[in-house]
Amino acid sequence: MKKTSLYLDDEHLHLLRRISQREQRPQAEILRDAISLYAREKLDHQFALQRVGRDGTERLPWDGRSIGEIPDDELMAGFGQR
């Protein structure tokens, strides 16, 4: 394990201390857990944005749009068809 430093504003420092006290856990452990959770969510998000099927095959070509930018009718095209 390596040591690192980070800067927190007063609000984040206060939140970290409160969580640490409430859970009786070291601040470093809480930060490691938070980083792991963040990374896991980002990887899941990238998986969805790449539009890759569970089997690893690309389902749709990626055109740079976020899911919110794609019209519903386009998203639903072919749904329920084989």
PDB file of N, CA and C in Angstrom:
ATOM      1  N   MET A   1       0.846  -1.165   0.000  1.00  0.00           N
ATOM      2  CA  MET A   1       0.000   0.000   0.000  1.00  0.00           C
ATOM      3  C   MET A   1       0.897   1.235   0.000  1.00  0.00           C
ATOM      4  N   LYS A   2       0.506   2.247  -0.771  1.00  0.00           N
ATOM      5  CA  LYS A   2       1.281   3.489  -0.874  1.00  0.00           C
ATOM      6  C   LYS A   2       0.541   4.614  -0.170  1.00  0.00           C
ATOM      7  N   LYS A   3       1.294   5.549   0.342  1.00  0.00           N
ATOM      8  CA  LYS A   3       0.726   6.718   1.000  1.00  0.00           C
ATOM      9  C   LYS A   3       0.555   7.831  -0.023  1.00  0.00           C
ATOM     10  N   THR A   4      -0.550   8.556   0.084  1.00  0.00           N
ATOM     11  CA  THR A   4      -0.788   9.703  -0.791  1.00  0.00           C
ATOM     12  C   THR A   4      -1.436  10.807   0.019  1.00  0.00           C
ATOM     13  N   SER A   5      -1.487  11.986  -0.547  1.00  0.00           N
ATOM     14  CA  SER A   5      -2.127  13.127   0.109  1.00  0.00           C
ATOM     15  C   SER A   5      -3.199  13.680  -0.800  1.00  0.00           C
ATOM     16  N   LEU A   6      -4.221  14.258  -0.206  1.00  0.00           N
ATOM     17  CA  LEU A   6      -5.231  14.938  -0.999  1.00  0.00           C
ATOM     18  C   LEU A   6      -5.735  16.136  -0.225  1.00  0.00           C
ATOM     19  N   TYR A   7      -6.288  17.075  -0.941  1.00  0.00           N
ATOM     20  CA  TYR A   7      -6.826  18.280  -0.340  1.00  0.00           C
ATOM     21  C   TYR A   7      -8.338  18.202  -0.333  1.00  0.00           C
ATOM     22  N   LEU A   8      -8.926  18.469   0.827  1.00  0.00           N
ATOM     23  CA  LEU A   8     -10.375  18.481   0.968  1.00  0.00           C
ATOM     24  C   LEU A   8     -10.810  19.844   1.473  1.00  0.00           C
ATOM     25  N   ASP A   9     -11.928  20.322   0.953  1.00  0.00           N
ATOM     26  CA  ASP A   9     -12.473  21.561   1.502  1.00  0.00           C
ATOM     27  C   ASP A   9     -13.103  21.232   2.857  1.00  0.00           C
ATOM     28  N   ASP A  10     -13.495  22.256   3.593  1.00  0.00           N
ATOM     29  CA  ASP A  10     -14.020  22.060   4.942  1.00  0.00           C
ATOM     30  C   ASP A  10     -15.236  21.144   4.966  1.00  0.00           C
ATOM     31  N   GLU A  11     -16.118  21.278   3.989  1.00  0.00           N
ATOM     32  CA  GLU A  11     -17.334  20.471   3.954  1.00  0.00           C
ATOM     33  C   GLU A  11     -17.013  18.983   3.784  1.00  0.00           C
ATOM     34  N   HIS A  12     -16.138  18.663   2.820  1.00  0.00           N
ATOM     35  CA  HIS A  12     -15.783  17.265   2.595  1.00  0.00           C
ATOM     36  C   HIS A  12     -15.009  16.678   3.778  1.00  0.00           C
ATOM     37  N   LEU A  13     -14.156  17.473   4.384  1.00  0.00           N
ATOM     38  CA  LEU A  13     -13.418  17.017   5.555  1.00  0.00           C
ATOM     39  C   LEU A  13     -14.373  16.713   6.701  1.00  0.00           C
ATOM     40  N   HIS A  14     -15.342  17.588   6.898  1.00  0.00           N
ATOM     41  CA  HIS A  14     -16.350  17.380   7.947  1.00  0.00           C
ATOM     42  C   HIS A  14     -17.149  16.099   7.681  1.00  0.00           C
ATOM     43  N   LEU A  15     -17.567  15.904   6.433  1.00  0.00           N
ATOM     44  CA  LEU A  15     -18.315  14.698   6.087  1.00  0.00           C
ATOM     45  C   LEU A  15     -17.483  13.438   6.322  1.00  0.00           C
ATOM     46  N   LEU A  16     -16.243  13.470   5.913  1.00  0.00           N
ATOM     47  CA  LEU A  16     -15.369  12.315   6.092  1.00  0.00           C
ATOM     48  C   LEU A  16     -15.190  11.998   7.575  1.00  0.00           C
ATOM     49  N   ARG A  17     -14.982  13.020   8.375  1.00  0.00           N
ATOM     50  CA  ARG A  17     -14.816  12.793   9.815  1.00  0.00           C
ATOM     51  C   ARG A  17     -16.088  12.217  10.437  1.00  0.00           C
ATOM     52  N   ARG A  18     -17.243  12.752  10.038  1.00  0.00           N
ATOM     53  CA  ARG A  18     -18.512  12.246  10.584  1.00  0.00           C
ATOM     54  C   ARG A  18     -18.723  10.779  10.223  1.00  0.00           C
ATOM     55  N   ILE A  19     -18.466  10.436   8.967  1.00  0.00           N
ATOM     56  CA  ILE A  19     -18.623   9.040   8.534  1.00  0.00           C
ATOM     57  C   ILE A  19     -17.669   8.151   9.317  1.00  0.00           C
ATOM     58  N   SER A  20     -16.432   8.592   9.467  1.00  0.00           N
ATOM     59  CA  SER A  20     -15.416   7.827  10.179  1.00  0.00           C
ATOM     60  C   SER A  20     -15.828   7.574  11.624  1.00  0.00           C
ATOM     61  N   GLN A  21     -16.330   8.594  12.268  1.00  0.00           N
ATOM     62  CA  GLN A  21     -16.761   8.446  13.663  1.00  0.00           C
ATOM     63  C   GLN A  21     -17.994   7.556  13.764  1.00  0.00           C
ATOM     64  N   ARG A  22     -18.948   7.778  12.895  1.00  0.00           N
ATOM     65  CA  ARG A  22     -20.200   7.021  12.943  1.00  0.00           C
ATOM     66  C   ARG A  22     -19.945   5.533  12.688  1.00  0.00           C
ATOM     67  N   GLU A  23     -19.093   5.223  11.722  1.00  0.00           N
ATOM     68  CA  GLU A  23     -18.851   3.835  11.351  1.00  0.00           C
ATOM     69  C   GLU A  23     -17.674   3.213  12.092  1.00  0.00           C
ATOM     70  N   GLN A  24     -16.985   4.025  12.891  1.00  0.00           N
ATOM     71  CA  GLN A  24     -15.812   3.539  13.632  1.00  0.00           C
ATOM     72  C   GLN A  24     -14.808   2.882  12.685  1.00  0.00           C
ATOM     73  N   ARG A  25     -14.526   3.600  11.595  1.00  0.00           N
ATOM     74  CA  ARG A  25     -13.579   3.111  10.594  1.00  0.00           C
ATOM     75  C   ARG A  25     -12.577   4.209  10.292  1.00  0.00           C
ATOM     76  N   PRO A  26     -11.367   3.853   9.895  1.00  0.00           N
ATOM     77  CA  PRO A  26     -10.375   4.870   9.523  1.00  0.00           C
ATOM     78  C   PRO A  26     -10.818   5.643   8.273  1.00  0.00           C
ATOM     79  N   GLN A  27     -10.446   6.905   8.232  1.00  0.00           N
ATOM     80  CA  GLN A  27     -10.791   7.744   7.082  1.00  0.00           C
ATOM     81  C   GLN A  27     -10.214   7.165   5.792  1.00  0.00           C
ATOM     82  N   ALA A  28      -9.013   6.640   5.853  1.00  0.00           N
ATOM     83  CA  ALA A  28      -8.378   6.091   4.651  1.00  0.00           C
ATOM     84  C   ALA A  28      -9.191   4.921   4.095  1.00  0.00           C
ATOM     85  N   GLU A  29      -9.731   4.099   4.981  1.00  0.00           N
ATOM     86  CA  GLU A  29     -10.538   2.964   4.533  1.00  0.00           C
ATOM     87  C   GLU A  29     -11.808   3.446   3.834  1.00  0.00           C
ATOM     88  N   ILE A  30     -12.409   4.476   4.370  1.00  0.00           N
ATOM     89  CA  ILE A  30     -13.623   5.042   3.767  1.00  0.00           C
ATOM     90  C   ILE A  30     -13.310   5.605   2.386  1.00  0.00           C
ATOM     91  N   LEU A  31     -12.188   6.299   2.267  1.00  0.00           N
ATOM     92  CA  LEU A  31     -11.794   6.854   0.970  1.00  0.00           C
ATOM     93  C   LEU A  31     -11.494   5.751  -0.041  1.00  0.00           C
ATOM     94  N   ARG A  32     -10.829   4.690   0.393  1.00  0.00           N
ATOM     95  CA  ARG A  32     -10.564   3.572  -0.523  1.00  0.00           C
ATOM     96  C   ARG A  32     -11.870   2.947  -1.007  1.00  0.00           C
ATOM     97  N   ASP A  33     -12.812   2.764  -0.087  1.00  0.00           N
ATOM     98  CA  ASP A  33     -14.115   2.214  -0.471  1.00  0.00           C
ATOM     99  C   ASP A  33     -14.838   3.135  -1.452  1.00  0.00           C
ATOM    100  N   ALA A  34     -14.757   4.436  -1.200  1.00  0.00           N
ATOM    101  CA  ALA A  34     -15.416   5.408  -2.083  1.00  0.00           C
ATOM    102  C   ALA A  34     -14.797   5.376  -3.480  1.00  0.00           C
ATOM    103  N   ILE A  35     -13.490   5.262  -3.564  1.00  0.00           N
ATOM    104  CA  ILE A  35     -12.810   5.195  -4.860  1.00  0.00           C
ATOM    105  C   ILE A  35     -13.201   3.920  -5.597  1.00  0.00           C
ATOM    106  N   SER A  36     -13.253   2.812  -4.877  1.00  0.00           N
ATOM    107  CA  SER A  36     -13.647   1.538  -5.500  1.00  0.00           C
ATOM    108  C   SER A  36     -15.071   1.608  -6.036  1.00  0.00           C
ATOM    109  N   LEU A  37     -15.967   2.166  -5.253  1.00  0.00           N
ATOM    110  CA  LEU A  37     -17.356   2.304  -5.682  1.00  0.00           C
ATOM    111  C   LEU A  37     -17.458   3.208  -6.909  1.00  0.00           C
ATOM    112  N   TYR A  38     -16.755   4.319  -6.883  1.00  0.00           N
ATOM    113  CA  TYR A  38     -16.756   5.257  -8.008  1.00  0.00           C
ATOM    114  C   TYR A  38     -16.243   4.573  -9.281  1.00  0.00           C
ATOM    115  N   ALA A  39     -15.142   3.857  -9.142  1.00  0.00           N
ATOM    116  CA  ALA A  39     -14.553   3.179 -10.301  1.00  0.00           C
ATOM    117  C   ALA A  39     -15.508   2.126 -10.853  1.00  0.00           C
ATOM    118  N   ARG A  40     -16.151   1.376  -9.974  1.00  0.00           N
ATOM    119  CA  ARG A  40     -17.086   0.339 -10.412  1.00  0.00           C
ATOM    120  C   ARG A  40     -18.261   0.957 -11.160  1.00  0.00           C
ATOM    121  N   GLU A  41     -18.788   2.062 -10.657  1.00  0.00           N
ATOM    122  CA  GLU A  41     -19.910   2.723 -11.329  1.00  0.00           C
ATOM    123  C   GLU A  41     -19.484   3.291 -12.673  1.00  0.00           C
ATOM    124  N   LYS A  42     -18.292   3.838 -12.749  1.00  0.00           N
ATOM    125  CA  LYS A  42     -17.810   4.389 -14.019  1.00  0.00           C
ATOM    126  C   LYS A  42     -17.597   3.289 -15.046  1.00  0.00           C
ATOM    127  N   LEU A  43     -17.082   2.156 -14.624  1.00  0.00           N
ATOM    128  CA  LEU A  43     -16.887   1.050 -15.556  1.00  0.00           C
ATOM    129  C   LEU A  43     -18.229   0.559 -16.075  1.00  0.00           C
ATOM    130  N   ASP A  44     -19.222   0.448 -15.205  1.00  0.00           N
ATOM    131  CA  ASP A  44     -20.559   0.041 -15.627  1.00  0.00           C
ATOM    132  C   ASP A  44     -21.131   1.044 -16.615  1.00  0.00           C
ATOM    133  N   HIS A  45     -20.894   2.325 -16.361  1.00  0.00           N
ATOM    134  CA  HIS A  45     -21.401   3.387 -17.236  1.00  0.00           C
ATOM    135  C   HIS A  45     -20.736   3.290 -18.608  1.00  0.00           C
ATOM    136  N   GLN A  46     -19.439   3.074 -18.631  1.00  0.00           N
ATOM    137  CA  GLN A  46     -18.728   2.940 -19.897  1.00  0.00           C
ATOM    138  C   GLN A  46     -19.242   1.732 -20.668  1.00  0.00           C
ATOM    139  N   PHE A  47     -19.538   0.655 -19.962  1.00  0.00           N
ATOM    140  CA  PHE A  47     -20.072  -0.551 -20.585  1.00  0.00           C
ATOM    141  C   PHE A  47     -21.363  -0.208 -21.330  1.00  0.00           C
ATOM    142  N   ALA A  48     -22.234   0.542 -20.674  1.00  0.00           N
ATOM    143  CA  ALA A  48     -23.508   0.912 -21.287  1.00  0.00           C
ATOM    144  C   ALA A  48     -23.291   1.858 -22.464  1.00  0.00           C
ATOM    145  N   LEU A  49     -22.381   2.811 -22.311  1.00  0.00           N
ATOM    146  CA  LEU A  49     -22.163   3.780 -23.381  1.00  0.00           C
ATOM    147  C   LEU A  49     -21.552   3.124 -24.616  1.00  0.00           C
ATOM    148  N   GLN A  50     -20.792   2.082 -24.426  1.00  0.00           N
ATOM    149  CA  GLN A  50     -20.170   1.421 -25.568  1.00  0.00           C
ATOM    150  C   GLN A  50     -21.159   0.531 -26.298  1.00  0.00           C
ATOM    151  N   ARG A  51     -22.328   0.349 -25.701  1.00  0.00           N
ATOM    152  CA  ARG A  51     -23.383  -0.455 -26.310  1.00  0.00           C
ATOM    153  C   ARG A  51     -22.872  -1.831 -26.694  1.00  0.00           C
ATOM    154  N   VAL A  52     -22.250  -2.462 -25.729  1.00  0.00           N
ATOM    155  CA  VAL A  52     -21.707  -3.799 -25.939  1.00  0.00           C
ATOM    156  C   VAL A  52     -22.635  -4.792 -25.271  1.00  0.00           C
ATOM    157  N   GLY A  53     -22.925  -5.865 -25.968  1.00  0.00           N
ATOM    158  CA  GLY A  53     -23.764  -6.905 -25.397  1.00  0.00           C
ATOM    159  C   GLY A  53     -23.033  -7.689 -24.334  1.00  0.00           C
ATOM    160  N   ARG A  54     -23.770  -8.435 -23.550  1.00  0.00           N
ATOM    161  CA  ARG A  54     -23.169  -9.237 -22.484  1.00  0.00           C
ATOM    162  C   ARG A  54     -22.168 -10.251 -23.026  1.00  0.00           C
ATOM    163  N   ASP A  55     -22.356 -10.646 -24.268  1.00  0.00           N
ATOM    164  CA  ASP A  55     -21.422 -11.612 -24.857  1.00  0.00           C
ATOM    165  C   ASP A  55     -20.195 -10.933 -25.465  1.00  0.00           C
ATOM    166  N   GLY A  56     -20.110  -9.609 -25.342  1.00  0.00           N
ATOM    167  CA  GLY A  56     -18.951  -8.873 -25.822  1.00  0.00           C
ATOM    168  C   GLY A  56     -19.078  -8.339 -27.235  1.00  0.00           C
ATOM    169  N   THR A  57     -20.175  -8.658 -27.914  1.00  0.00           N
ATOM    170  CA  THR A  57     -20.345  -8.165 -29.274  1.00  0.00           C
ATOM    171  C   THR A  57     -20.974  -6.778 -29.252  1.00  0.00           C
ATOM    172  N   GLU A  58     -20.557  -5.957 -30.186  1.00  0.00           N
ATOM    173  CA  GLU A  58     -21.092  -4.606 -30.265  1.00  0.00           C
ATOM    174  C   GLU A  58     -22.499  -4.669 -30.844  1.00  0.00           C
ATOM    175  N   ARG A  59     -23.447  -4.041 -30.150  1.00  0.00           N
ATOM    176  CA  ARG A  59     -24.843  -4.078 -30.577  1.00  0.00           C
ATOM    177  C   ARG A  59     -25.171  -2.963 -31.566  1.00  0.00           C
ATOM    178  N   LEU A  60     -24.692  -1.788 -31.294  1.00  0.00           N
ATOM    179  CA  LEU A  60     -24.951  -0.636 -32.163  1.00  0.00           C
ATOM    180  C   LEU A  60     -23.653   0.139 -32.326  1.00  0.00           C
ATOM    181  N   PRO A  61     -23.434   0.720 -33.472  1.00  0.00           N
ATOM    182  CA  PRO A  61     -22.244   1.565 -33.600  1.00  0.00           C
ATOM    183  C   PRO A  61     -22.390   2.789 -32.703  1.00  0.00           C
ATOM    184  N   TRP A  62     -21.323   3.182 -32.062  1.00  0.00           N
ATOM    185  CA  TRP A  62     -21.378   4.326 -31.153  1.00  0.00           C
ATOM    186  C   TRP A  62     -21.241   5.600 -31.960  1.00  0.00           C
ATOM    187  N   ASP A  63     -22.178   6.510 -31.773  1.00  0.00           N
ATOM    188  CA  ASP A  63     -22.161   7.754 -32.538  1.00  0.00           C
ATOM    189  C   ASP A  63     -21.836   8.972 -31.678  1.00  0.00           C
ATOM    190  N   GLY A  64     -21.415   8.751 -30.450  1.00  0.00           N
ATOM    191  CA  GLY A  64     -21.001   9.859 -29.595  1.00  0.00           C
ATOM    192  C   GLY A  64     -22.103  10.458 -28.753  1.00  0.00           C
ATOM    193  N   ARG A  65     -23.347  10.024 -28.958  1.00  0.00           N
ATOM    194  CA  ARG A  65     -24.444  10.587 -28.181  1.00  0.00           C
ATOM    195  C   ARG A  65     -24.593   9.863 -26.851  1.00  0.00           C
ATOM    196  N   SER A  66     -25.023  10.617 -25.846  1.00  0.00           N
ATOM    197  CA  SER A  66     -25.357   9.979 -24.576  1.00  0.00           C
ATOM    198  C   SER A  66     -26.747   9.372 -24.713  1.00  0.00           C
ATOM    199  N   ILE A  67     -27.103   8.503 -23.786  1.00  0.00           N
ATOM    200  CA  ILE A  67     -28.406   7.843 -23.843  1.00  0.00           C
ATOM    201  C   ILE A  67     -29.549   8.861 -23.808  1.00  0.00           C
ATOM    202  N   GLY A  68     -29.338   9.970 -23.115  1.00  0.00           N
ATOM    203  CA  GLY A  68     -30.365  10.998 -23.024  1.00  0.00           C
ATOM    204  C   GLY A  68     -30.583  11.765 -24.317  1.00  0.00           C
ATOM    205  N   GLU A  69     -29.639  11.696 -25.214  1.00  0.00           N
ATOM    206  CA  GLU A  69     -29.741  12.414 -26.484  1.00  0.00           C
ATOM    207  C   GLU A  69     -30.384  11.580 -27.590  1.00  0.00           C
ATOM    208  N   ILE A  70     -30.593  10.311 -27.335  1.00  0.00           N
ATOM    209  CA  ILE A  70     -31.158   9.427 -28.353  1.00  0.00           C
ATOM    210  C   ILE A  70     -32.672   9.405 -28.219  1.00  0.00           C
ATOM    211  N   PRO A  71     -33.415   9.708 -29.277  1.00  0.00           N
ATOM    212  CA  PRO A  71     -34.880   9.711 -29.207  1.00  0.00           C
ATOM    213  C   PRO A  71     -35.424   8.333 -28.822  1.00  0.00           C
ATOM    214  N   ASP A  72     -36.525   8.335 -28.095  1.00  0.00           N
ATOM    215  CA  ASP A  72     -37.129   7.084 -27.626  1.00  0.00           C
ATOM    216  C   ASP A  72     -37.415   6.111 -28.767  1.00  0.00           C
ATOM    217  N   ASP A  73     -37.941   6.624 -29.876  1.00  0.00           N
ATOM    218  CA  ASP A  73     -38.284   5.711 -30.973  1.00  0.00           C
ATOM    219  C   ASP A  73     -37.038   5.019 -31.529  1.00  0.00           C
ATOM    220  N   GLU A  74     -35.928   5.711 -31.514  1.00  0.00           N
ATOM    221  CA  GLU A  74     -34.681   5.107 -31.982  1.00  0.00           C
ATOM    222  C   GLU A  74     -34.181   4.053 -30.985  1.00  0.00           C
ATOM    223  N   LEU A  75     -34.322   4.357 -29.696  1.00  0.00           N
ATOM    224  CA  LEU A  75     -33.921   3.391 -28.679  1.00  0.00           C
ATOM    225  C   LEU A  75     -34.772   2.131 -28.718  1.00  0.00           C
ATOM    226  N   MET A  76     -36.046   2.281 -29.029  1.00  0.00           N
ATOM    227  CA  MET A  76     -36.975   1.155 -29.000  1.00  0.00           C
ATOM    228  C   MET A  76     -37.025   0.400 -30.323  1.00  0.00           C
ATOM    229  N   ALA A  77     -36.341   0.903 -31.343  1.00  0.00           N
ATOM    230  CA  ALA A  77     -36.360   0.246 -32.641  1.00  0.00           C
ATOM    231  C   ALA A  77     -35.878  -1.199 -32.519  1.00  0.00           C
ATOM    232  N   GLY A  78     -36.682  -2.118 -32.975  1.00  0.00           N
ATOM    233  CA  GLY A  78     -36.334  -3.522 -32.958  1.00  0.00           C
ATOM    234  C   GLY A  78     -36.577  -4.209 -31.624  1.00  0.00           C
ATOM    235  N   PHE A  79     -37.058  -3.476 -30.638  1.00  0.00           N
ATOM    236  CA  PHE A  79     -37.309  -4.081 -29.333  1.00  0.00           C
ATOM    237  C   PHE A  79     -38.390  -5.150 -29.450  1.00  0.00           C
ATOM    238  N   GLY A  80     -38.114  -6.310 -28.919  1.00  0.00           N
ATOM    239  CA  GLY A  80     -39.086  -7.409 -28.954  1.00  0.00           C
ATOM    240  C   GLY A  80     -39.056  -8.214 -30.233  1.00  0.00           C
ATOM    241  N   GLN A  81     -38.203  -7.809 -31.178  1.00  0.00           N
ATOM    242  CA  GLN A  81     -38.097  -8.554 -32.422  1.00  0.00           C
ATOM    243  C   GLN A  81     -36.886  -9.468 -32.361  1.00  0.00           C
ATOM    244  N   ARG A  82     -36.950 -10.530 -33.114  1.00  0.00           N
ATOM    245  CA  ARG A  82     -35.807 -11.447 -33.169  1.00  0.00           C
ATOM    246  C   ARG A  82     -35.253 -11.494 -34.547  1.00  0.00           C
TER     247      ARG A  82
END
